[in-house]
Amino acid sequence: MATTPPREFFAASALEVGPRLLGAVLTHETASGAVSLRITEVEAYVGDGVDPGSHAFRGRTRRNAVMYGPPGHLYTYFTYGMHVCANVVCSPDGVASAVLLRGGEIVSGEEVARERRGQSVPVRELARGPARLVVAMGISLDDGGADLLEPPFSLTLPEHPVAAASGPRTGVSGAGGGLDFPWRYWIEGDPTVSPYRRHPKA
């Protein structure tokens, strides 16, 4: 039976929470209807001088303040000036850590997701990739700071933990994208997992 995690579930490093989120179902209810997504791919980011790929690498700013807690909330941001990405905040209050939601399978509310993504989009592509996932789920930049354990969001964990494959993060430039940071986790063989793309060198 699926269960709602306690707040303490998120109070660990993103390196622990990330693989545990695989198979979990995230639901977002809006005026258009509810969409539920089974998480199939994530990336972990930590901060404060540890992870050069993290928004919190150089410390706390106005932009990344949500990453510092409380855990179990949503951290959203613009990327490339046009896309929104969504992250699950982890670690105890005051410690920067977050899990990027990279891909998932729409398990409920497919028609609502299609209205947002397009009627001709293949099922596997509806939420395959972080920007597509956010659009399909109806998440916006204004959802930054939202509690994932309170309406309009909910999160349930799978009855049994899902085995996680791991490897380098995708699309991360510089040292943060190297083999020293194999912090992307995914469900092996799942069609909604995005292909690995190494970030081009500057």
C-alpha atoms as a PDB file:
ATOM      1  CA  MET A   1       0.000   0.000   0.000  1.00  0.00           C
ATOM      2  CA  ALA A   2       1.317   3.455  -0.922  1.00  0.00           C
ATOM      3  CA  THR A   3       2.007   5.739   2.026  1.00  0.00           C
ATOM      4  CA  THR A   4       2.470   9.469   2.584  1.00  0.00           C
ATOM      5  CA  PRO A   5       5.995  10.067   3.890  1.00  0.00           C
ATOM      6  CA  PRO A   6       6.521  11.843   7.212  1.00  0.00           C
ATOM      7  CA  ARG A   7       8.319  15.199   7.161  1.00  0.00           C
ATOM      8  CA  GLU A   8      11.432  13.438   8.456  1.00  0.00           C
ATOM      9  CA  PHE A   9      11.677  11.505   5.198  1.00  0.00           C
ATOM     10  CA  PHE A  10      12.909  14.690   3.499  1.00  0.00           C
ATOM     11  CA  ALA A  11      15.285  15.723   6.296  1.00  0.00           C
ATOM     12  CA  ALA A  12      18.167  13.708   4.817  1.00  0.00           C
ATOM     13  CA  SER A  13      20.634  14.613   2.087  1.00  0.00           C
ATOM     14  CA  ALA A  14      19.365  14.735  -1.496  1.00  0.00           C
ATOM     15  CA  LEU A  15      21.779  11.855  -2.147  1.00  0.00           C
ATOM     16  CA  GLU A  16      19.605   9.688   0.107  1.00  0.00           C
ATOM     17  CA  VAL A  17      16.193  11.110  -0.721  1.00  0.00           C
ATOM     18  CA  GLY A  18      16.721  11.125  -4.502  1.00  0.00           C
ATOM     19  CA  PRO A  19      16.752   7.359  -5.123  1.00  0.00           C
ATOM     20  CA  ARG A  20      13.994   6.856  -2.553  1.00  0.00           C
ATOM     21  CA  LEU A  21      11.687   9.119  -4.562  1.00  0.00           C
ATOM     22  CA  LEU A  22      11.756   6.755  -7.548  1.00  0.00           C
ATOM     23  CA  GLY A  23       8.340   5.148  -7.929  1.00  0.00           C
ATOM     24  CA  ALA A  24       6.690   7.752  -5.703  1.00  0.00           C
ATOM     25  CA  VAL A  25       3.535   9.407  -7.038  1.00  0.00           C
ATOM     26  CA  LEU A  26       3.305  13.199  -7.031  1.00  0.00           C
ATOM     27  CA  THR A  27      -0.138  14.764  -7.512  1.00  0.00           C
ATOM     28  CA  HIS A  28      -0.935  18.381  -8.278  1.00  0.00           C
ATOM     29  CA  GLU A  29      -4.521  19.607  -8.329  1.00  0.00           C
ATOM     30  CA  THR A  30      -5.403  22.783 -10.211  1.00  0.00           C
ATOM     31  CA  ALA A  31      -8.554  24.395 -11.598  1.00  0.00           C
ATOM     32  CA  SER A  32      -7.967  22.330 -14.766  1.00  0.00           C
ATOM     33  CA  GLY A  33      -7.982  19.084 -12.807  1.00  0.00           C
ATOM     34  CA  ALA A  34      -5.558  16.789 -11.001  1.00  0.00           C
ATOM     35  CA  VAL A  35      -2.530  15.152 -12.607  1.00  0.00           C
ATOM     36  CA  SER A  36      -0.570  12.365 -10.919  1.00  0.00           C
ATOM     37  CA  LEU A  37       2.923  11.355 -11.958  1.00  0.00           C
ATOM     38  CA  ARG A  38       5.065   8.359 -10.998  1.00  0.00           C
ATOM     39  CA  ILE A  39       8.616   9.652 -10.580  1.00  0.00           C
ATOM     40  CA  THR A  40      11.090   7.720 -12.756  1.00  0.00           C
ATOM     41  CA  GLU A  41      14.162   9.971 -12.925  1.00  0.00           C
ATOM     42  CA  VAL A  42      15.756  12.508 -10.582  1.00  0.00           C
ATOM     43  CA  GLU A  43      19.034  14.314  -9.931  1.00  0.00           C
ATOM     44  CA  ALA A  44      20.484  15.213  -6.536  1.00  0.00           C
ATOM     45  CA  TYR A  45      22.110  18.580  -5.728  1.00  0.00           C
ATOM     46  CA  VAL A  46      23.782  19.691  -2.516  1.00  0.00           C
ATOM     47  CA  GLY A  47      25.395  23.045  -1.778  1.00  0.00           C
ATOM     48  CA  ASP A  48      27.683  25.379   0.133  1.00  0.00           C
ATOM     49  CA  GLY A  49      31.003  24.663  -1.574  1.00  0.00           C
ATOM     50  CA  VAL A  50      30.416  20.938  -2.070  1.00  0.00           C
ATOM     51  CA  ASP A  51      28.572  20.655  -5.378  1.00  0.00           C
ATOM     52  CA  PRO A  52      29.640  22.989  -8.215  1.00  0.00           C
ATOM     53  CA  GLY A  53      26.497  22.086 -10.155  1.00  0.00           C
ATOM     54  CA  SER A  54      24.220  23.352  -7.400  1.00  0.00           C
ATOM     55  CA  HIS A  55      22.527  26.752  -7.198  1.00  0.00           C
ATOM     56  CA  ALA A  56      23.686  26.833  -3.570  1.00  0.00           C
ATOM     57  CA  PHE A  57      27.367  26.179  -4.296  1.00  0.00           C
ATOM     58  CA  ARG A  58      28.329  29.750  -3.371  1.00  0.00           C
ATOM     59  CA  GLY A  59      25.926  30.047  -0.467  1.00  0.00           C
ATOM     60  CA  ARG A  60      22.488  31.413   0.231  1.00  0.00           C
ATOM     61  CA  THR A  61      20.906  33.995  -2.055  1.00  0.00           C
ATOM     62  CA  ARG A  62      17.422  35.364  -2.593  1.00  0.00           C
ATOM     63  CA  ARG A  63      16.967  33.006  -5.547  1.00  0.00           C
ATOM     64  CA  ASN A  64      17.966  29.775  -3.770  1.00  0.00           C
ATOM     65  CA  ALA A  65      16.651  30.519  -0.270  1.00  0.00           C
ATOM     66  CA  VAL A  66      13.975  27.789  -0.507  1.00  0.00           C
ATOM     67  CA  MET A  67      16.756  25.187  -0.896  1.00  0.00           C
ATOM     68  CA  TYR A  68      17.754  25.857   2.714  1.00  0.00           C
ATOM     69  CA  GLY A  69      14.493  24.500   4.095  1.00  0.00           C
ATOM     70  CA  PRO A  70      12.162  23.547   5.467  1.00  0.00           C
ATOM     71  CA  PRO A  71      12.382  20.129   3.791  1.00  0.00           C
ATOM     72  CA  GLY A  72       9.520  18.633   1.790  1.00  0.00           C
ATOM     73  CA  HIS A  73       8.802  21.869  -0.067  1.00  0.00           C
ATOM     74  CA  LEU A  74       9.110  22.739  -3.753  1.00  0.00           C
ATOM     75  CA  TYR A  75      12.036  24.735  -5.160  1.00  0.00           C
ATOM     76  CA  THR A  76      11.272  26.138  -8.620  1.00  0.00           C
ATOM     77  CA  TYR A  77      13.466  28.189 -10.933  1.00  0.00           C
ATOM     78  CA  PHE A  78      13.798  29.439 -14.511  1.00  0.00           C
ATOM     79  CA  THR A  79      16.407  27.855 -16.757  1.00  0.00           C
ATOM     80  CA  TYR A  80      17.585  29.167 -20.121  1.00  0.00           C
ATOM     81  CA  GLY A  81      15.232  32.078 -19.560  1.00  0.00           C
ATOM     82  CA  MET A  82      12.166  30.144 -20.647  1.00  0.00           C
ATOM     83  CA  HIS A  83      11.692  26.826 -18.809  1.00  0.00           C
ATOM     84  CA  VAL A  84      10.703  26.146 -15.203  1.00  0.00           C
ATOM     85  CA  CYS A  85      12.224  23.241 -13.273  1.00  0.00           C
ATOM     86  CA  ALA A  86      10.916  21.737 -10.021  1.00  0.00           C
ATOM     87  CA  ASN A  87      12.921  20.310  -7.128  1.00  0.00           C
ATOM     88  CA  VAL A  88      12.095  18.622  -3.830  1.00  0.00           C
ATOM     89  CA  VAL A  89      13.891  20.355  -0.944  1.00  0.00           C
ATOM     90  CA  CYS A  90      15.793  17.979   1.348  1.00  0.00           C
ATOM     91  CA  SER A  91      18.077  18.045   4.419  1.00  0.00           C
ATOM     92  CA  PRO A  92      17.431  19.689   7.805  1.00  0.00           C
ATOM     93  CA  ASP A  93      16.462  23.350   7.981  1.00  0.00           C
ATOM     94  CA  GLY A  94      19.416  25.557   7.122  1.00  0.00           C
ATOM     95  CA  VAL A  95      21.225  22.997   4.925  1.00  0.00           C
ATOM     96  CA  ALA A  96      20.923  23.370   1.139  1.00  0.00           C
ATOM     97  CA  SER A  97      19.932  20.193  -0.695  1.00  0.00           C
ATOM     98  CA  ALA A  98      17.343  19.429  -3.371  1.00  0.00           C
ATOM     99  CA  VAL A  99      16.250  16.732  -5.824  1.00  0.00           C
ATOM    100  CA  LEU A 100      15.454  17.801  -9.384  1.00  0.00           C
ATOM    101  CA  LEU A 101      12.430  16.009 -10.851  1.00  0.00           C
ATOM    102  CA  ARG A 102      13.736  14.956 -14.278  1.00  0.00           C
ATOM    103  CA  GLY A 103      11.108  12.555 -15.599  1.00  0.00           C
ATOM    104  CA  GLY A 104       7.975  10.605 -14.835  1.00  0.00           C
ATOM    105  CA  GLU A 105       4.995   8.609 -16.055  1.00  0.00           C
ATOM    106  CA  ILE A 106       1.557  10.220 -16.005  1.00  0.00           C
ATOM    107  CA  VAL A 107      -0.612   7.714 -14.127  1.00  0.00           C
ATOM    108  CA  SER A 108      -3.744   9.856 -13.720  1.00  0.00           C
ATOM    109  CA  GLY A 109      -5.061  12.980 -15.417  1.00  0.00           C
ATOM    110  CA  GLU A 110      -3.568  12.200 -18.830  1.00  0.00           C
ATOM    111  CA  GLU A 111      -6.145  14.312 -20.662  1.00  0.00           C
ATOM    112  CA  VAL A 112      -5.321  17.333 -18.498  1.00  0.00           C
ATOM    113  CA  ALA A 113      -1.619  16.784 -19.161  1.00  0.00           C
ATOM    114  CA  ARG A 114      -2.323  16.535 -22.900  1.00  0.00           C
ATOM    115  CA  GLU A 115      -4.167  19.850 -22.870  1.00  0.00           C
ATOM    116  CA  ARG A 116      -0.967  21.385 -21.565  1.00  0.00           C
ATOM    117  CA  ARG A 117       1.549  19.438 -23.656  1.00  0.00           C
ATOM    118  CA  GLY A 118      -0.347  18.709 -26.891  1.00  0.00           C
ATOM    119  CA  GLN A 119      -2.754  16.008 -28.044  1.00  0.00           C
ATOM    120  CA  SER A 120      -0.238  14.393 -30.405  1.00  0.00           C
ATOM    121  CA  VAL A 121       2.569  14.014 -27.850  1.00  0.00           C
ATOM    122  CA  PRO A 122       3.376  10.309 -27.210  1.00  0.00           C
ATOM    123  CA  VAL A 123       2.525   9.090 -23.704  1.00  0.00           C
ATOM    124  CA  ARG A 124       6.178   8.458 -22.850  1.00  0.00           C
ATOM    125  CA  GLU A 125       7.053  12.059 -23.768  1.00  0.00           C
ATOM    126  CA  LEU A 126       4.396  13.845 -21.698  1.00  0.00           C
ATOM    127  CA  ALA A 127       6.709  14.288 -18.690  1.00  0.00           C
ATOM    128  CA  ARG A 128      10.044  13.058 -20.062  1.00  0.00           C
ATOM    129  CA  GLY A 129      12.512  15.768 -19.102  1.00  0.00           C
ATOM    130  CA  PRO A 130      12.326  18.381 -16.313  1.00  0.00           C
ATOM    131  CA  ALA A 131      10.697  21.195 -18.328  1.00  0.00           C
ATOM    132  CA  ARG A 132       8.089  18.881 -19.860  1.00  0.00           C
ATOM    133  CA  LEU A 133       7.328  17.399 -16.446  1.00  0.00           C
ATOM    134  CA  VAL A 134       6.585  20.824 -14.996  1.00  0.00           C
ATOM    135  CA  VAL A 135       4.272  21.743 -17.876  1.00  0.00           C
ATOM    136  CA  ALA A 136       2.397  18.429 -17.731  1.00  0.00           C
ATOM    137  CA  MET A 137       1.917  18.780 -13.972  1.00  0.00           C
ATOM    138  CA  GLY A 138       0.768  22.404 -14.174  1.00  0.00           C
ATOM    139  CA  ILE A 139       3.598  23.587 -11.920  1.00  0.00           C
ATOM    140  CA  SER A 140       4.689  27.209 -12.238  1.00  0.00           C
ATOM    141  CA  LEU A 141       7.391  29.426 -10.794  1.00  0.00           C
ATOM    142  CA  ASP A 142       4.767  30.679  -8.307  1.00  0.00           C
ATOM    143  CA  ASP A 143       4.651  27.188  -6.754  1.00  0.00           C
ATOM    144  CA  GLY A 144       8.119  27.739  -5.316  1.00  0.00           C
ATOM    145  CA  GLY A 145       7.973  27.120  -1.563  1.00  0.00           C
ATOM    146  CA  ALA A 146       4.773  25.038  -1.747  1.00  0.00           C
ATOM    147  CA  ASP A 147       4.481  22.194   0.760  1.00  0.00           C
ATOM    148  CA  LEU A 148       4.379  18.864  -1.087  1.00  0.00           C
ATOM    149  CA  LEU A 149       2.506  17.279   1.819  1.00  0.00           C
ATOM    150  CA  GLU A 150      -0.342  19.799   1.701  1.00  0.00           C
ATOM    151  CA  PRO A 151      -2.990  20.616  -0.955  1.00  0.00           C
ATOM    152  CA  PRO A 152      -2.828  21.307  -3.839  1.00  0.00           C
ATOM    153  CA  PHE A 153       0.075  18.816  -3.766  1.00  0.00           C
ATOM    154  CA  SER A 154       0.382  15.316  -2.373  1.00  0.00           C
ATOM    155  CA  LEU A 155       3.106  12.692  -2.485  1.00  0.00           C
ATOM    156  CA  THR A 156       2.902   8.961  -1.803  1.00  0.00           C
ATOM    157  CA  LEU A 157       5.737   6.452  -1.650  1.00  0.00           C
ATOM    158  CA  PRO A 158       5.572   3.026  -3.323  1.00  0.00           C
ATOM    159  CA  GLU A 159       4.785   0.000  -1.189  1.00  0.00           C
ATOM    160  CA  HIS A 160       8.242  -1.414  -1.876  1.00  0.00           C
ATOM    161  CA  PRO A 161      11.436   0.562  -2.633  1.00  0.00           C
ATOM    162  CA  VAL A 162      12.369   0.715  -6.317  1.00  0.00           C
ATOM    163  CA  ALA A 163      15.858  -0.288  -7.457  1.00  0.00           C
ATOM    164  CA  ALA A 164      17.759   2.750  -8.696  1.00  0.00           C
ATOM    165  CA  ALA A 165      20.334   2.965 -11.462  1.00  0.00           C
ATOM    166  CA  SER A 166      22.783   5.862 -11.151  1.00  0.00           C
ATOM    167  CA  GLY A 167      25.198   7.831 -13.295  1.00  0.00           C
ATOM    168  CA  PRO A 168      26.473  11.326 -14.143  1.00  0.00           C
ATOM    169  CA  ARG A 169      23.994  14.185 -14.143  1.00  0.00           C
ATOM    170  CA  THR A 170      22.898  15.353 -17.561  1.00  0.00           C
ATOM    171  CA  GLY A 171      23.181  18.861 -18.971  1.00  0.00           C
ATOM    172  CA  VAL A 172      25.404  20.098 -16.116  1.00  0.00           C
ATOM    173  CA  SER A 173      28.445  22.068 -17.245  1.00  0.00           C
ATOM    174  CA  GLY A 174      31.865  22.115 -15.634  1.00  0.00           C
ATOM    175  CA  ALA A 175      32.938  19.910 -12.745  1.00  0.00           C
ATOM    176  CA  GLY A 176      29.352  19.386 -11.600  1.00  0.00           C
ATOM    177  CA  GLY A 177      28.593  17.251 -14.636  1.00  0.00           C
ATOM    178  CA  GLY A 178      31.632  14.974 -14.330  1.00  0.00           C
ATOM    179  CA  LEU A 179      31.929  11.379 -13.233  1.00  0.00           C
ATOM    180  CA  ASP A 180      32.778  12.569  -9.721  1.00  0.00           C
ATOM    181  CA  PHE A 181      29.072  13.403  -9.333  1.00  0.00           C
ATOM    182  CA  PRO A 182      27.076  10.294 -10.368  1.00  0.00           C
ATOM    183  CA  TRP A 183      23.975  11.780  -8.768  1.00  0.00           C
ATOM    184  CA  ARG A 184      21.348  11.097 -11.411  1.00  0.00           C
ATOM    185  CA  TYR A 185      19.025   8.238 -10.422  1.00  0.00           C
ATOM    186  CA  TRP A 186      16.500   6.487 -12.613  1.00  0.00           C
ATOM    187  CA  ILE A 187      14.398   3.354 -13.047  1.00  0.00           C
ATOM    188  CA  GLU A 188      16.308   1.171 -15.488  1.00  0.00           C
ATOM    189  CA  GLY A 189      14.448   0.454 -18.704  1.00  0.00           C
ATOM    190  CA  ASP A 190      11.561   2.826 -18.054  1.00  0.00           C
ATOM    191  CA  PRO A 191      10.535   4.562 -21.317  1.00  0.00           C
ATOM    192  CA  THR A 192       9.905   7.896 -19.588  1.00  0.00           C
ATOM    193  CA  VAL A 193      13.566   8.278 -18.538  1.00  0.00           C
ATOM    194  CA  SER A 194      15.332  10.914 -20.638  1.00  0.00           C
ATOM    195  CA  PRO A 195      18.474  10.015 -22.618  1.00  0.00           C
ATOM    196  CA  TYR A 196      21.800  10.989 -21.084  1.00  0.00           C
ATOM    197  CA  ARG A 197      23.350  14.085 -22.651  1.00  0.00           C
ATOM    198  CA  ARG A 198      26.746  15.326 -21.586  1.00  0.00           C
ATOM    199  CA  HIS A 199      26.858  19.123 -21.423  1.00  0.00           C
ATOM    200  CA  PRO A 200      29.111  20.539 -24.151  1.00  0.00           C
ATOM    201  CA  LYS A 201      32.394  21.949 -22.877  1.00  0.00           C
ATOM    202  CA  ALA A 202      32.643  25.719 -22.827  1.00  0.00           C
END
